[in-house]
N, C-alpha and C. Protein backbone atom coordinates (compact mmCIF):
# COMPACT_ATOMS: atom_id res chain seq x y z
N MET A 1 105.09 118.06 89.77
CA MET A 1 103.95 118.65 89.63
C MET A 1 104.30 120.49 88.79
N ASP A 2 103.34 120.29 88.35
CA ASP A 2 103.31 122.09 87.86
C ASP A 2 101.87 122.14 87.49
N VAL A 3 101.47 124.05 87.85
CA VAL A 3 99.95 123.69 87.88
C VAL A 3 98.66 123.92 86.29
N LYS A 4 99.98 123.48 85.77
CA LYS A 4 100.05 123.04 84.25
C LYS A 4 99.00 121.91 84.01
N GLU A 5 99.31 121.22 84.37
CA GLU A 5 99.57 119.78 85.29
C GLU A 5 97.96 118.96 85.67
N LEU A 6 97.34 119.62 86.60
CA LEU A 6 96.82 119.88 86.95
C LEU A 6 95.34 120.33 86.45
N SER A 7 94.24 119.06 86.80
CA SER A 7 93.07 119.58 86.07
C SER A 7 92.46 120.26 87.01
N LEU A 8 90.77 121.02 86.15
CA LEU A 8 90.47 122.49 86.94
C LEU A 8 89.75 122.26 88.40
N CYS A 9 90.01 120.95 88.51
CA CYS A 9 89.14 121.07 89.83
C CYS A 9 90.16 121.40 91.07
N GLU A 10 91.42 120.48 90.61
CA GLU A 10 92.56 120.43 91.29
C GLU A 10 92.59 122.39 91.59
N ARG A 11 93.31 123.23 90.27
CA ARG A 11 93.05 123.62 90.25
C ARG A 11 92.99 124.82 90.96
N LEU A 12 91.73 125.10 90.92
CA LEU A 12 90.39 125.52 91.86
C LEU A 12 90.51 125.37 92.98
N LEU A 13 90.84 124.12 93.66
CA LEU A 13 90.90 124.09 94.49
C LEU A 13 92.00 124.60 95.54
N LEU A 14 92.73 124.57 94.43
CA LEU A 14 94.29 125.44 94.90
C LEU A 14 94.44 127.21 95.26
N CYS A 15 93.45 127.27 94.22
CA CYS A 15 92.44 129.26 94.39
C CYS A 15 91.95 129.36 95.40
N ARG A 16 91.35 128.51 96.21
CA ARG A 16 90.11 128.69 97.17
C ARG A 16 91.59 128.21 98.78
N ARG A 17 92.54 127.67 98.68
CA ARG A 17 92.99 127.60 99.59
C ARG A 17 93.94 129.26 100.09
N ALA A 18 94.64 128.83 98.40
CA ALA A 18 95.55 130.76 98.11
C ALA A 18 94.92 131.77 98.55
N GLU A 19 93.84 132.11 98.81
CA GLU A 19 92.98 132.91 99.03
C GLU A 19 92.82 132.63 100.66
N ARG A 20 92.54 130.91 101.31
CA ARG A 20 92.69 131.61 102.41
C ARG A 20 94.18 131.92 103.28
N GLY A 21 94.82 131.61 102.57
CA GLY A 21 96.16 132.37 102.79
C GLY A 21 96.29 133.46 103.31
N CYS A 22 96.21 134.70 102.00
CA CYS A 22 95.99 135.71 101.96
C CYS A 22 95.45 136.63 103.37
N ILE A 23 94.35 135.28 103.61
CA ILE A 23 94.29 136.03 105.13
C ILE A 23 94.34 135.67 105.75
N SER A 24 94.40 135.03 106.45
CA SER A 24 96.02 134.61 107.26
C SER A 24 96.45 135.41 107.25
N ARG A 25 97.36 135.59 106.14
CA ARG A 25 98.53 136.11 106.83
C ARG A 25 97.91 137.45 106.78
N PHE A 26 96.36 137.85 106.45
CA PHE A 26 96.30 139.20 106.42
C PHE A 26 95.33 139.62 107.54
N ARG A 27 95.04 138.42 108.02
CA ARG A 27 95.45 138.78 109.66
C ARG A 27 95.86 138.58 110.82
N GLU A 28 96.84 137.34 110.50
CA GLU A 28 97.96 137.94 111.06
C GLU A 28 98.27 139.88 111.15
N ALA A 29 98.56 139.96 110.26
CA ALA A 29 98.53 141.99 110.39
C ALA A 29 98.36 142.64 111.11
N LEU A 30 96.69 141.64 111.51
CA LEU A 30 95.66 142.39 111.73
C LEU A 30 95.96 142.93 113.90
N ASP A 31 96.10 141.78 113.56
CA ASP A 31 96.67 140.80 115.15
C ASP A 31 97.85 141.83 115.75
N ARG A 32 99.30 142.28 114.30
CA ARG A 32 99.75 142.46 115.02
C ARG A 32 100.10 143.94 114.77
N ILE A 33 99.44 144.87 114.40
CA ILE A 33 99.04 146.76 114.74
C ILE A 33 98.23 147.10 115.77
N ASP A 34 98.54 148.31 116.57
CA ASP A 34 97.92 149.11 117.01
C ASP A 34 96.97 150.59 116.69
N GLY A 35 95.73 149.17 116.14
CA GLY A 35 94.39 149.99 115.63
C GLY A 35 94.56 151.19 116.36
N ALA A 36 94.73 151.53 117.84
CA ALA A 36 94.55 152.81 118.33
C ALA A 36 95.01 153.36 117.67
N ALA A 37 96.42 153.36 117.81
CA ALA A 37 97.30 154.78 116.38
C ALA A 37 97.28 155.14 115.79
N ASP A 38 96.61 154.02 114.89
CA ASP A 38 96.12 154.25 112.90
C ASP A 38 94.81 153.06 113.09
N PRO A 39 93.96 153.93 112.86
CA PRO A 39 92.94 153.49 112.68
C PRO A 39 92.35 153.11 111.38
N GLU A 40 92.81 153.57 110.84
CA GLU A 40 92.99 153.68 109.58
C GLU A 40 93.18 152.66 108.04
N LEU A 41 94.34 152.00 108.97
CA LEU A 41 95.21 151.18 108.55
C LEU A 41 94.43 149.57 108.96
N GLY A 42 94.14 149.70 110.12
CA GLY A 42 92.57 148.58 110.06
C GLY A 42 92.13 148.20 109.53
N ARG A 43 91.21 148.97 109.64
CA ARG A 43 90.24 149.14 108.33
C ARG A 43 90.00 148.11 107.22
N THR A 44 91.29 149.60 106.34
CA THR A 44 92.21 149.00 105.18
C THR A 44 92.36 147.62 105.01
N LEU A 45 93.29 146.94 106.66
CA LEU A 45 93.94 145.77 105.98
C LEU A 45 92.34 144.80 106.03
N GLN A 46 91.41 145.10 107.08
CA GLN A 46 90.19 144.75 107.56
C GLN A 46 89.04 144.53 105.70
N GLU A 47 89.82 144.85 105.08
CA GLU A 47 88.84 146.07 104.02
C GLU A 47 89.29 144.22 103.10
N LEU A 48 90.41 144.70 103.62
CA LEU A 48 91.03 143.78 102.63
C LEU A 48 91.33 141.75 102.55
N ILE A 49 90.92 141.50 103.80
CA ILE A 49 90.57 140.78 104.65
C ILE A 49 89.30 139.99 103.39
N TYR A 50 88.02 141.55 103.40
CA TYR A 50 86.56 140.69 103.72
C TYR A 50 86.50 140.51 101.37
N GLU A 51 87.84 141.79 101.39
CA GLU A 51 87.33 141.53 99.76
C GLU A 51 88.12 139.62 99.48
N GLU A 52 89.37 139.85 100.30
CA GLU A 52 89.92 138.37 99.80
C GLU A 52 89.13 136.71 100.63
N GLN A 53 87.76 137.18 101.35
CA GLN A 53 86.43 136.48 101.25
C GLN A 53 86.23 136.29 99.93
N ASP A 54 85.57 137.52 99.77
CA ASP A 54 85.00 137.50 98.51
C ASP A 54 84.90 136.77 97.65
N HIS A 55 86.32 136.84 97.70
CA HIS A 55 87.70 135.72 96.13
C HIS A 55 87.37 134.50 95.68
N ALA A 56 86.74 134.17 97.77
CA ALA A 56 87.23 132.96 97.89
C ALA A 56 85.53 132.19 97.89
N GLU A 57 84.67 132.79 97.79
CA GLU A 57 83.27 132.76 97.53
C GLU A 57 83.19 133.22 96.24
N ALA A 58 83.64 133.49 95.10
CA ALA A 58 83.49 133.65 93.96
C ALA A 58 84.26 133.12 93.38
N ILE A 59 85.78 132.16 93.51
CA ILE A 59 85.52 130.84 93.86
C ILE A 59 84.92 129.99 93.83
N ARG A 60 84.25 129.95 95.00
CA ARG A 60 83.86 128.68 94.97
C ARG A 60 82.26 128.51 94.70
N ARG A 61 81.97 129.32 94.27
CA ARG A 61 80.75 129.64 93.76
C ARG A 61 81.67 129.18 91.92
N PHE A 62 82.22 129.11 91.46
CA PHE A 62 82.70 129.01 89.75
C PHE A 62 83.53 127.51 89.64
N GLN A 63 83.01 126.91 91.18
CA GLN A 63 83.87 125.77 90.96
C GLN A 63 82.60 124.51 90.98
N GLU A 64 81.32 125.42 92.25
CA GLU A 64 79.82 124.87 91.71
C GLU A 64 79.61 124.10 90.08
N GLY A 65 79.62 124.76 89.22
CA GLY A 65 79.61 124.22 87.75
C GLY A 65 79.99 124.13 86.91
N VAL A 66 81.65 123.16 87.03
CA VAL A 66 83.31 122.68 87.16
C VAL A 66 82.79 121.16 87.55
N PRO A 67 82.71 119.93 87.05
CA PRO A 67 82.43 118.68 86.67
C PRO A 67 83.29 117.84 87.37
N CYS A 68 83.76 117.44 88.32
CA CYS A 68 84.31 116.85 89.55
C CYS A 68 83.78 115.36 89.50
N PRO A 69 85.19 114.48 90.16
CA PRO A 69 83.88 113.41 90.01
C PRO A 69 84.01 113.17 91.64
N LEU A 70 82.97 112.43 91.77
CA LEU A 70 82.11 112.59 93.06
C LEU A 70 83.16 111.95 94.27
N VAL A 71 84.41 111.00 94.14
CA VAL A 71 85.24 110.82 95.03
C VAL A 71 87.00 111.67 94.25
N TRP A 72 87.29 112.44 95.17
CA TRP A 72 88.29 113.15 94.83
C TRP A 72 88.99 113.65 95.58
N ARG A 73 90.35 113.62 95.83
CA ARG A 73 91.50 114.16 97.12
C ARG A 73 91.76 114.33 96.02
N MET A 74 92.60 115.78 96.57
CA MET A 74 93.72 117.00 95.70
C MET A 74 94.80 115.71 96.84
N ASP A 75 96.24 115.19 96.60
CA ASP A 75 97.40 115.67 97.62
C ASP A 75 97.51 116.62 98.32
N MET A 76 97.30 116.67 100.06
CA MET A 76 96.77 117.43 100.69
C MET A 76 99.00 118.51 100.57
N ASP A 77 100.25 117.57 99.62
CA ASP A 77 101.14 117.35 100.29
C ASP A 77 101.99 118.41 98.82
N LEU A 78 101.24 117.86 98.32
CA LEU A 78 101.02 118.02 96.67
C LEU A 78 101.06 119.91 96.48
N LEU A 79 99.65 120.09 96.93
CA LEU A 79 98.52 121.46 97.11
C LEU A 79 99.20 122.36 98.30
N GLU A 80 100.12 121.50 99.36
CA GLU A 80 100.54 122.89 100.45
C GLU A 80 102.23 123.67 99.37
N SER A 81 103.16 121.86 98.50
CA SER A 81 104.32 122.59 98.05
C SER A 81 103.64 123.25 96.81
N LEU A 82 102.88 123.16 96.31
CA LEU A 82 102.74 124.61 94.91
C LEU A 82 102.50 125.90 95.84
N LEU A 83 101.40 125.87 96.42
CA LEU A 83 101.84 127.08 97.21
C LEU A 83 102.67 127.46 98.34
N ALA A 84 103.87 126.54 98.00
CA ALA A 84 105.38 127.31 99.20
C ALA A 84 105.73 128.01 97.65
N ARG A 85 105.74 127.03 96.44
CA ARG A 85 106.33 127.58 94.81
C ARG A 85 105.74 129.11 94.53
N HIS A 86 105.32 129.43 94.71
CA HIS A 86 103.87 129.98 94.09
C HIS A 86 103.74 131.33 95.26
N PHE A 87 103.55 131.17 96.71
CA PHE A 87 103.19 132.13 97.35
C PHE A 87 104.54 132.06 98.16
N PRO A 88 105.42 132.58 98.28
CA PRO A 88 106.70 133.18 98.65
C PRO A 88 106.41 134.13 100.21
N SER A 89 105.92 134.69 100.28
CA SER A 89 104.81 135.70 100.93
C SER A 89 104.00 135.20 101.97
N PHE A 90 104.29 134.17 101.93
CA PHE A 90 103.75 133.08 102.66
C PHE A 90 104.30 132.78 104.52
N ARG A 91 105.64 132.67 103.82
CA ARG A 91 106.44 132.01 104.61
C ARG A 91 107.18 133.26 105.15
N GLU A 92 107.78 134.43 104.83
CA GLU A 92 108.33 135.29 104.62
C GLU A 92 107.41 135.42 106.94
N PRO A 93 108.63 135.35 107.48
CA PRO A 93 108.04 135.21 109.22
C PRO A 93 108.08 136.59 109.12
N LEU A 94 106.93 137.15 109.90
CA LEU A 94 106.69 138.43 110.44
C LEU A 94 108.00 138.84 111.67
N PRO A 95 108.37 140.73 111.62
CA PRO A 95 108.77 140.33 112.31
C PRO A 95 108.68 140.00 113.80
N PRO A 96 109.26 140.52 115.30
CA PRO A 96 108.73 140.36 116.33
C PRO A 96 108.14 141.68 116.82
N GLY A 97 107.26 141.24 117.16
CA GLY A 97 106.88 143.05 117.70
C GLY A 97 105.92 143.25 116.89
N GLY A 98 105.15 144.66 117.15
CA GLY A 98 103.87 145.19 116.18
C GLY A 98 104.77 144.96 115.12
N LEU A 99 103.75 145.34 114.12
CA LEU A 99 104.61 146.44 112.34
C LEU A 99 103.67 147.24 112.22
N ASP A 100 104.62 148.38 111.56
CA ASP A 100 104.07 149.90 111.14
C ASP A 100 103.87 150.18 109.88
N ARG A 101 103.35 150.80 109.60
CA ARG A 101 102.65 151.06 108.19
C ARG A 101 103.06 150.49 107.22
N THR A 102 105.16 150.78 106.82
CA THR A 102 105.24 149.90 106.78
C THR A 102 105.97 148.53 106.31
N GLY A 103 105.69 148.46 107.48
CA GLY A 103 106.06 146.82 107.36
C GLY A 103 104.63 146.09 105.96
N ILE A 104 103.31 146.65 106.84
CA ILE A 104 102.33 146.09 107.06
C ILE A 104 102.00 146.11 104.86
N ALA A 105 102.67 147.61 104.67
CA ALA A 105 102.65 146.90 103.26
C ALA A 105 103.66 146.75 102.19
N ARG A 106 104.64 146.34 102.37
CA ARG A 106 105.43 145.91 101.92
C ARG A 106 104.65 144.08 102.55
N LEU A 107 104.37 143.78 102.99
CA LEU A 107 103.30 142.80 103.90
C LEU A 107 102.24 142.07 102.36
N VAL A 108 101.39 143.34 102.49
CA VAL A 108 100.24 143.67 101.91
C VAL A 108 100.79 143.81 100.31
N GLU A 109 101.71 143.96 99.97
CA GLU A 109 101.83 144.60 98.65
C GLU A 109 102.72 143.55 97.74
N SER A 110 102.97 141.59 99.04
CA SER A 110 104.44 140.66 98.46
C SER A 110 103.30 139.94 98.45
N VAL A 111 102.52 139.88 99.13
CA VAL A 111 101.19 139.11 98.97
C VAL A 111 100.42 139.53 98.14
N GLU A 112 100.20 140.86 97.68
CA GLU A 112 99.31 140.68 96.71
C GLU A 112 99.66 140.65 95.20
N ARG A 113 100.93 141.30 95.20
CA ARG A 113 102.23 140.09 93.72
C ARG A 113 102.61 138.65 93.85
N ASP A 114 102.31 138.26 94.47
CA ASP A 114 102.40 136.61 94.34
C ASP A 114 100.92 135.68 94.45
N SER A 115 99.81 136.31 94.67
CA SER A 115 98.64 136.32 94.35
C SER A 115 98.40 136.62 92.90
N SER A 116 97.64 138.41 92.24
CA SER A 116 98.12 138.84 90.72
C SER A 116 99.01 137.45 89.74
N ARG A 117 100.01 137.57 90.15
CA ARG A 117 101.54 136.13 89.24
C ARG A 117 100.45 134.79 89.71
N PHE A 118 99.78 134.47 90.13
CA PHE A 118 99.96 132.90 90.61
C PHE A 118 97.93 133.14 89.61
N TYR A 119 97.66 134.52 89.88
CA TYR A 119 96.45 134.14 88.96
C TYR A 119 96.66 134.49 87.19
N ARG A 120 97.52 134.81 86.89
CA ARG A 120 98.05 135.50 86.28
C ARG A 120 98.21 134.46 84.81
N LEU A 121 99.18 133.90 86.31
CA LEU A 121 99.41 131.58 85.66
C LEU A 121 97.76 131.02 85.05
N MET A 122 97.47 130.96 85.89
CA MET A 122 96.14 130.15 86.12
C MET A 122 95.51 130.51 84.41
N GLU A 123 95.87 131.98 84.44
CA GLU A 123 94.33 132.05 83.29
C GLU A 123 95.18 132.06 81.97
N GLU A 124 97.35 132.06 81.80
CA GLU A 124 97.90 131.58 80.90
C GLU A 124 97.59 129.81 80.64
N ASN A 125 97.37 129.30 81.85
CA ASN A 125 97.34 127.62 81.46
C ASN A 125 95.90 127.42 81.53
N ALA A 126 94.63 128.25 81.51
CA ALA A 126 93.44 127.71 81.26
C ALA A 126 93.15 126.94 80.60
N PRO A 127 92.21 126.00 81.23
CA PRO A 127 91.82 124.60 79.82
C PRO A 127 90.17 124.90 79.01
N ASP A 128 90.12 126.18 78.96
CA ASP A 128 88.76 127.01 78.64
C ASP A 128 88.52 128.61 78.67
N VAL A 129 87.94 128.61 77.93
CA VAL A 129 87.82 130.49 77.86
C VAL A 129 87.31 131.17 78.70
N VAL A 130 86.22 129.67 79.60
CA VAL A 130 85.07 130.29 80.96
C VAL A 130 86.63 130.37 81.68
N SER A 131 87.38 129.93 81.21
CA SER A 131 87.98 129.58 83.30
C SER A 131 89.46 130.77 82.49
N ARG A 132 89.43 130.64 81.68
CA ARG A 132 90.84 132.13 81.17
C ARG A 132 90.44 133.43 82.06
N ARG A 133 88.46 133.70 81.31
CA ARG A 133 88.51 134.80 81.36
C ARG A 133 87.69 134.57 83.52
N PHE A 134 87.81 134.32 83.84
CA PHE A 134 87.64 134.04 85.29
C PHE A 134 88.78 134.30 86.43
N PHE A 135 89.99 132.99 86.21
CA PHE A 135 91.34 133.20 85.81
C PHE A 135 91.45 135.12 86.11
N ARG A 136 91.52 135.95 84.78
CA ARG A 136 91.41 136.62 84.23
C ARG A 136 91.24 138.03 86.11
N GLU A 137 89.96 137.85 85.90
CA GLU A 137 89.56 138.54 86.19
C GLU A 137 89.83 138.94 88.45
N MET A 138 90.29 137.41 88.44
CA MET A 138 90.27 137.11 89.68
C MET A 138 92.19 138.15 90.25
N ALA A 139 92.91 137.87 88.63
CA ALA A 139 94.04 138.26 88.67
C ALA A 139 93.98 139.95 89.10
N GLU A 140 92.44 140.02 87.42
CA GLU A 140 93.04 141.85 87.92
C GLU A 140 92.29 142.85 89.43
N GLY A 141 91.85 141.37 90.13
CA GLY A 141 91.08 142.22 91.02
C GLY A 141 92.47 142.14 92.87
N GLU A 142 93.34 141.02 92.19
CA GLU A 142 95.24 140.91 93.00
C GLU A 142 95.79 142.49 92.56
N GLU A 143 95.43 142.96 91.72
CA GLU A 143 96.24 144.24 91.15
C GLU A 143 95.53 144.79 91.52
N ALA A 144 94.18 144.89 91.35
CA ALA A 144 93.39 146.33 92.16
C ALA A 144 94.56 146.56 93.84
N HIS A 145 94.08 145.83 94.17
CA HIS A 145 94.43 146.04 95.47
C HIS A 145 96.88 146.19 95.39
N GLN A 146 97.27 146.15 95.23
CA GLN A 146 98.42 146.76 95.26
C GLN A 146 98.37 148.63 95.13
N GLY A 147 99.09 148.61 96.56
CA GLY A 147 99.42 149.63 96.82
C GLY A 147 98.75 150.68 97.60
N ARG A 148 98.06 149.70 97.51
CA ARG A 148 96.17 150.58 98.18
C ARG A 148 97.07 151.35 99.89
N VAL A 149 97.61 149.78 101.04
CA VAL A 149 97.94 150.66 101.83
C VAL A 149 98.63 151.99 102.57
N SER A 150 100.28 151.62 100.84
CA SER A 150 100.97 152.24 100.81
C SER A 150 100.79 154.09 100.47
N ALA A 151 99.86 153.63 99.25
CA ALA A 151 99.06 155.05 99.09
C ALA A 151 98.45 155.70 100.02
N GLN A 152 98.25 155.37 101.59
CA GLN A 152 97.56 156.27 102.92
C GLN A 152 98.52 156.61 103.46
N GLU A 153 99.57 156.68 102.71
CA GLU A 153 101.09 157.33 103.89
C GLU A 153 100.86 159.33 103.31
């Protein structure tokens, strides 16, 4: 199954799960850096986490306006399979030990590239104009993050 075959409710659930995956990867990276040695990098990662949380909240608010069945459950194996397919950056192992600025930049770029590509796919296959605009805005938000860490060097 592909995202084209999902209902809008299922797509939005997938998006919320994707945002949680982004937050998780950035938190994992934040835990692996020496914040005392590079406080600016720590602040940038924390800002990215806050922005991803804002994206997740925007998705939740948008989803409130979408009529979904009262009794509805998405197949979690399908959800995980779709996430794995569209977010290979979630599966990339982090190197052992601490992460330097280059490693963090590579991780952030990879996650944000996957995320913007994913939202562009959602935009292309959106069932209506309103959701298409919403997914476009999400993609643009993710694209705005790209290069942020490496630009600090």
